[in-house]
């Protein structure tokens, strides 16, 4: 969903660097997958086609923060007199 965002903070040799992967258009989402020593953050379309991918060594990751998009509450039907 547009607005999904993942922040990745990594150790870059004495300093911390922050990267963001954001769902940039409506219908896209961001998924995180964990491998042996790699964390992969991917922006996907509705059909599951990857648009952009970021890979990080898990030993270097200090923090991985997922910010889901605000889900709009379901609208309540108005009572008619």
N, C-alpha and C. Protein backbone atom coordinates (compact mmCIF):
# COMPACT_ATOMS: atom_id res chain seq x y z
N UNK A 1 0.85 -1.17 0.00
CA UNK A 1 0.00 0.00 0.00
C UNK A 1 0.89 1.23 0.00
N UNK A 2 0.51 2.22 -0.74
CA UNK A 2 1.30 3.44 -0.80
C UNK A 2 1.48 4.00 0.61
N UNK A 3 2.68 4.36 0.93
CA UNK A 3 2.97 4.86 2.27
C UNK A 3 3.70 3.85 3.13
N UNK A 4 3.70 2.57 2.74
CA UNK A 4 4.51 1.59 3.46
C UNK A 4 5.96 2.04 3.36
N UNK A 5 6.69 1.90 4.46
CA UNK A 5 8.07 2.39 4.48
C UNK A 5 8.88 1.52 5.42
N UNK A 6 10.12 1.25 5.04
CA UNK A 6 11.05 0.50 5.88
C UNK A 6 12.33 1.31 5.99
N UNK A 7 12.77 1.55 7.22
CA UNK A 7 14.03 2.23 7.48
C UNK A 7 15.06 1.19 7.91
N UNK A 8 16.27 1.30 7.35
CA UNK A 8 17.34 0.39 7.70
C UNK A 8 18.51 1.24 8.17
N UNK A 9 18.99 0.99 9.38
CA UNK A 9 20.15 1.69 9.92
C UNK A 9 21.29 0.70 9.95
N UNK A 10 22.40 1.04 9.28
CA UNK A 10 23.54 0.12 9.22
C UNK A 10 24.79 0.77 9.79
N UNK A 11 25.71 -0.08 10.22
CA UNK A 11 27.02 0.36 10.69
C UNK A 11 27.92 0.46 9.46
N UNK A 12 28.39 1.67 9.18
CA UNK A 12 29.23 1.89 8.00
C UNK A 12 30.64 2.27 8.43
N UNK A 13 31.26 1.42 9.21
CA UNK A 13 32.63 1.66 9.62
C UNK A 13 32.79 2.81 10.59
N UNK A 14 32.08 2.77 11.68
CA UNK A 14 32.19 3.80 12.70
C UNK A 14 31.08 4.84 12.67
N UNK A 15 30.36 4.94 11.59
CA UNK A 15 29.21 5.84 11.51
C UNK A 15 27.98 5.04 11.15
N UNK A 16 26.83 5.57 11.48
CA UNK A 16 25.57 4.91 11.13
C UNK A 16 24.98 5.59 9.90
N UNK A 17 24.52 4.79 8.96
CA UNK A 17 23.85 5.33 7.78
C UNK A 17 22.43 4.79 7.76
N UNK A 18 21.51 5.63 7.30
CA UNK A 18 20.10 5.26 7.25
C UNK A 18 19.64 5.20 5.80
N UNK A 19 18.95 4.12 5.47
CA UNK A 19 18.37 3.95 4.14
C UNK A 19 16.87 3.75 4.31
N UNK A 20 16.10 4.18 3.31
CA UNK A 20 14.65 3.98 3.32
C UNK A 20 14.21 3.36 2.01
N UNK A 21 13.29 2.43 2.12
CA UNK A 21 12.61 1.88 0.95
C UNK A 21 11.13 2.19 1.15
N UNK A 22 10.53 2.89 0.19
CA UNK A 22 9.17 3.39 0.33
C UNK A 22 8.33 2.89 -0.84
N UNK A 23 7.08 2.52 -0.56
CA UNK A 23 6.12 2.20 -1.62
C UNK A 23 5.70 3.52 -2.24
N UNK A 24 6.16 3.79 -3.45
CA UNK A 24 6.02 5.12 -4.04
C UNK A 24 4.71 5.37 -4.76
N UNK A 25 4.01 4.34 -5.15
CA UNK A 25 2.75 4.52 -5.89
C UNK A 25 1.64 3.69 -5.26
N UNK A 26 0.43 4.03 -5.60
CA UNK A 26 -0.73 3.30 -5.08
C UNK A 26 -0.66 1.85 -5.55
N UNK A 27 -0.96 0.94 -4.66
CA UNK A 27 -0.98 -0.48 -4.99
C UNK A 27 0.35 -1.18 -4.77
N UNK A 28 1.39 -0.44 -4.48
CA UNK A 28 2.68 -1.07 -4.22
C UNK A 28 2.85 -1.33 -2.73
N UNK A 29 3.71 -2.29 -2.42
CA UNK A 29 3.96 -2.63 -1.02
C UNK A 29 5.45 -2.91 -0.83
N UNK A 30 5.87 -2.92 0.41
CA UNK A 30 7.27 -3.18 0.74
C UNK A 30 7.32 -4.45 1.58
N UNK A 31 8.18 -5.38 1.19
CA UNK A 31 8.33 -6.63 1.91
C UNK A 31 9.79 -6.81 2.34
N UNK A 32 9.97 -7.45 3.49
CA UNK A 32 11.31 -7.72 4.02
C UNK A 32 11.48 -9.22 4.06
N UNK A 33 12.61 -9.71 3.54
CA UNK A 33 12.91 -11.13 3.61
C UNK A 33 14.30 -11.31 4.21
N UNK A 34 14.45 -12.38 4.98
CA UNK A 34 15.68 -12.66 5.68
C UNK A 34 16.28 -13.93 5.11
N UNK A 35 17.55 -13.86 4.73
CA UNK A 35 18.27 -15.03 4.25
C UNK A 35 19.32 -15.42 5.26
N UNK A 36 20.32 -16.14 4.84
CA UNK A 36 21.37 -16.58 5.76
C UNK A 36 22.10 -15.39 6.37
N UNK A 37 22.71 -14.59 5.56
CA UNK A 37 23.44 -13.44 6.09
C UNK A 37 23.04 -12.15 5.38
N UNK A 38 21.89 -12.19 4.71
CA UNK A 38 21.43 -11.04 3.93
C UNK A 38 19.98 -10.72 4.26
N UNK A 39 19.70 -9.43 4.41
CA UNK A 39 18.33 -8.96 4.57
C UNK A 39 17.99 -8.21 3.29
N UNK A 40 16.87 -8.57 2.70
CA UNK A 40 16.46 -7.98 1.43
C UNK A 40 15.14 -7.23 1.62
N UNK A 41 15.11 -5.97 1.22
CA UNK A 41 13.91 -5.14 1.31
C UNK A 41 13.50 -4.82 -0.12
N UNK A 42 12.26 -5.18 -0.49
CA UNK A 42 11.82 -5.06 -1.87
C UNK A 42 10.51 -4.30 -1.96
N UNK A 43 10.43 -3.40 -2.94
CA UNK A 43 9.17 -2.73 -3.27
C UNK A 43 8.53 -3.55 -4.39
N UNK A 44 7.29 -3.97 -4.19
CA UNK A 44 6.60 -4.84 -5.14
C UNK A 44 5.34 -4.17 -5.69
N UNK A 45 4.99 -4.54 -6.92
CA UNK A 45 3.72 -4.09 -7.50
C UNK A 45 2.61 -5.00 -7.01
N UNK A 46 1.40 -4.71 -7.42
CA UNK A 46 0.26 -5.55 -7.02
C UNK A 46 0.42 -6.99 -7.46
N UNK A 47 1.02 -7.18 -8.64
CA UNK A 47 1.17 -8.53 -9.16
C UNK A 47 2.39 -9.26 -8.60
N UNK A 48 3.20 -8.56 -7.79
CA UNK A 48 4.35 -9.19 -7.16
C UNK A 48 5.66 -8.99 -7.91
N UNK A 49 5.65 -8.15 -8.93
CA UNK A 49 6.88 -7.85 -9.67
C UNK A 49 7.74 -6.88 -8.87
N UNK A 50 9.00 -7.22 -8.64
CA UNK A 50 9.86 -6.30 -7.89
C UNK A 50 10.18 -5.05 -8.71
N UNK A 51 10.08 -3.90 -8.05
CA UNK A 51 10.40 -2.63 -8.68
C UNK A 51 11.79 -2.19 -8.27
N UNK A 52 12.08 -2.30 -6.98
CA UNK A 52 13.40 -1.92 -6.46
C UNK A 52 13.72 -2.83 -5.29
N UNK A 53 14.99 -3.16 -5.18
CA UNK A 53 15.44 -4.07 -4.13
C UNK A 53 16.70 -3.51 -3.46
N UNK A 54 16.76 -3.61 -2.15
CA UNK A 54 17.95 -3.22 -1.40
C UNK A 54 18.39 -4.42 -0.58
N UNK A 55 19.68 -4.75 -0.62
CA UNK A 55 20.22 -5.88 0.13
C UNK A 55 21.27 -5.39 1.10
N UNK A 56 21.22 -5.93 2.31
CA UNK A 56 22.14 -5.53 3.37
C UNK A 56 22.67 -6.77 4.07
N UNK A 57 23.93 -6.72 4.48
CA UNK A 57 24.50 -7.81 5.29
C UNK A 57 23.89 -7.72 6.68
N UNK A 58 23.38 -8.82 7.17
CA UNK A 58 22.68 -8.80 8.46
C UNK A 58 23.63 -8.46 9.62
N UNK A 59 24.91 -8.73 9.49
CA UNK A 59 25.86 -8.41 10.55
C UNK A 59 26.05 -6.90 10.70
N UNK A 60 25.74 -6.13 9.66
CA UNK A 60 25.93 -4.69 9.68
C UNK A 60 24.67 -3.92 10.11
N UNK A 61 23.55 -4.58 10.18
CA UNK A 61 22.29 -3.89 10.48
C UNK A 61 22.20 -3.60 11.97
N UNK A 62 21.98 -2.34 12.29
CA UNK A 62 21.77 -1.92 13.68
C UNK A 62 20.29 -1.91 14.01
N UNK A 63 19.45 -1.47 13.06
CA UNK A 63 18.01 -1.41 13.29
C UNK A 63 17.29 -1.55 11.96
N UNK A 64 16.15 -2.20 12.00
CA UNK A 64 15.27 -2.33 10.85
C UNK A 64 13.87 -1.98 11.35
N UNK A 65 13.34 -0.85 10.89
CA UNK A 65 12.07 -0.34 11.41
C UNK A 65 11.05 -0.33 10.28
N UNK A 66 9.94 -1.03 10.48
CA UNK A 66 8.87 -1.07 9.50
C UNK A 66 7.79 -0.08 9.90
N UNK A 67 7.40 0.77 8.95
CA UNK A 67 6.34 1.75 9.16
C UNK A 67 5.20 1.41 8.20
N UNK A 68 4.18 0.69 8.65
CA UNK A 68 3.08 0.38 7.74
C UNK A 68 2.28 1.64 7.43
N UNK A 69 1.66 1.65 6.27
CA UNK A 69 0.83 2.78 5.87
C UNK A 69 -0.39 2.85 6.79
N UNK A 70 -0.86 4.06 7.00
CA UNK A 70 -2.07 4.24 7.81
C UNK A 70 -3.25 3.65 7.05
N UNK A 71 -3.89 2.72 7.67
CA UNK A 71 -5.07 2.11 7.06
C UNK A 71 -6.28 2.96 7.42
N UNK A 72 -7.02 3.39 6.42
CA UNK A 72 -8.20 4.21 6.67
C UNK A 72 -9.28 3.33 7.32
N UNK A 73 -9.92 3.82 8.38
CA UNK A 73 -10.98 3.02 9.00
C UNK A 73 -12.16 2.86 8.04
N UNK A 74 -12.83 1.73 8.17
CA UNK A 74 -13.99 1.48 7.31
C UNK A 74 -15.06 2.52 7.58
N UNK A 75 -15.64 3.02 6.53
CA UNK A 75 -16.66 4.04 6.69
C UNK A 75 -17.96 3.41 7.16
N UNK A 76 -18.56 4.05 8.11
CA UNK A 76 -19.84 3.57 8.63
C UNK A 76 -20.97 4.17 7.79
N UNK A 77 -21.93 3.34 7.42
CA UNK A 77 -23.07 3.89 6.66
C UNK A 77 -23.87 4.83 7.56
N UNK A 78 -24.29 5.93 6.98
CA UNK A 78 -25.06 6.90 7.77
C UNK A 78 -26.50 6.41 7.91
N UNK A 79 -27.04 6.63 9.11
CA UNK A 79 -28.43 6.24 9.38
C UNK A 79 -29.36 7.25 8.71
N UNK A 80 -30.35 6.73 8.02
CA UNK A 80 -31.32 7.61 7.38
C UNK A 80 -32.59 7.65 8.21
N UNK A 81 -33.13 8.85 8.40
CA UNK A 81 -34.36 8.96 9.21
C UNK A 81 -35.59 8.45 8.50
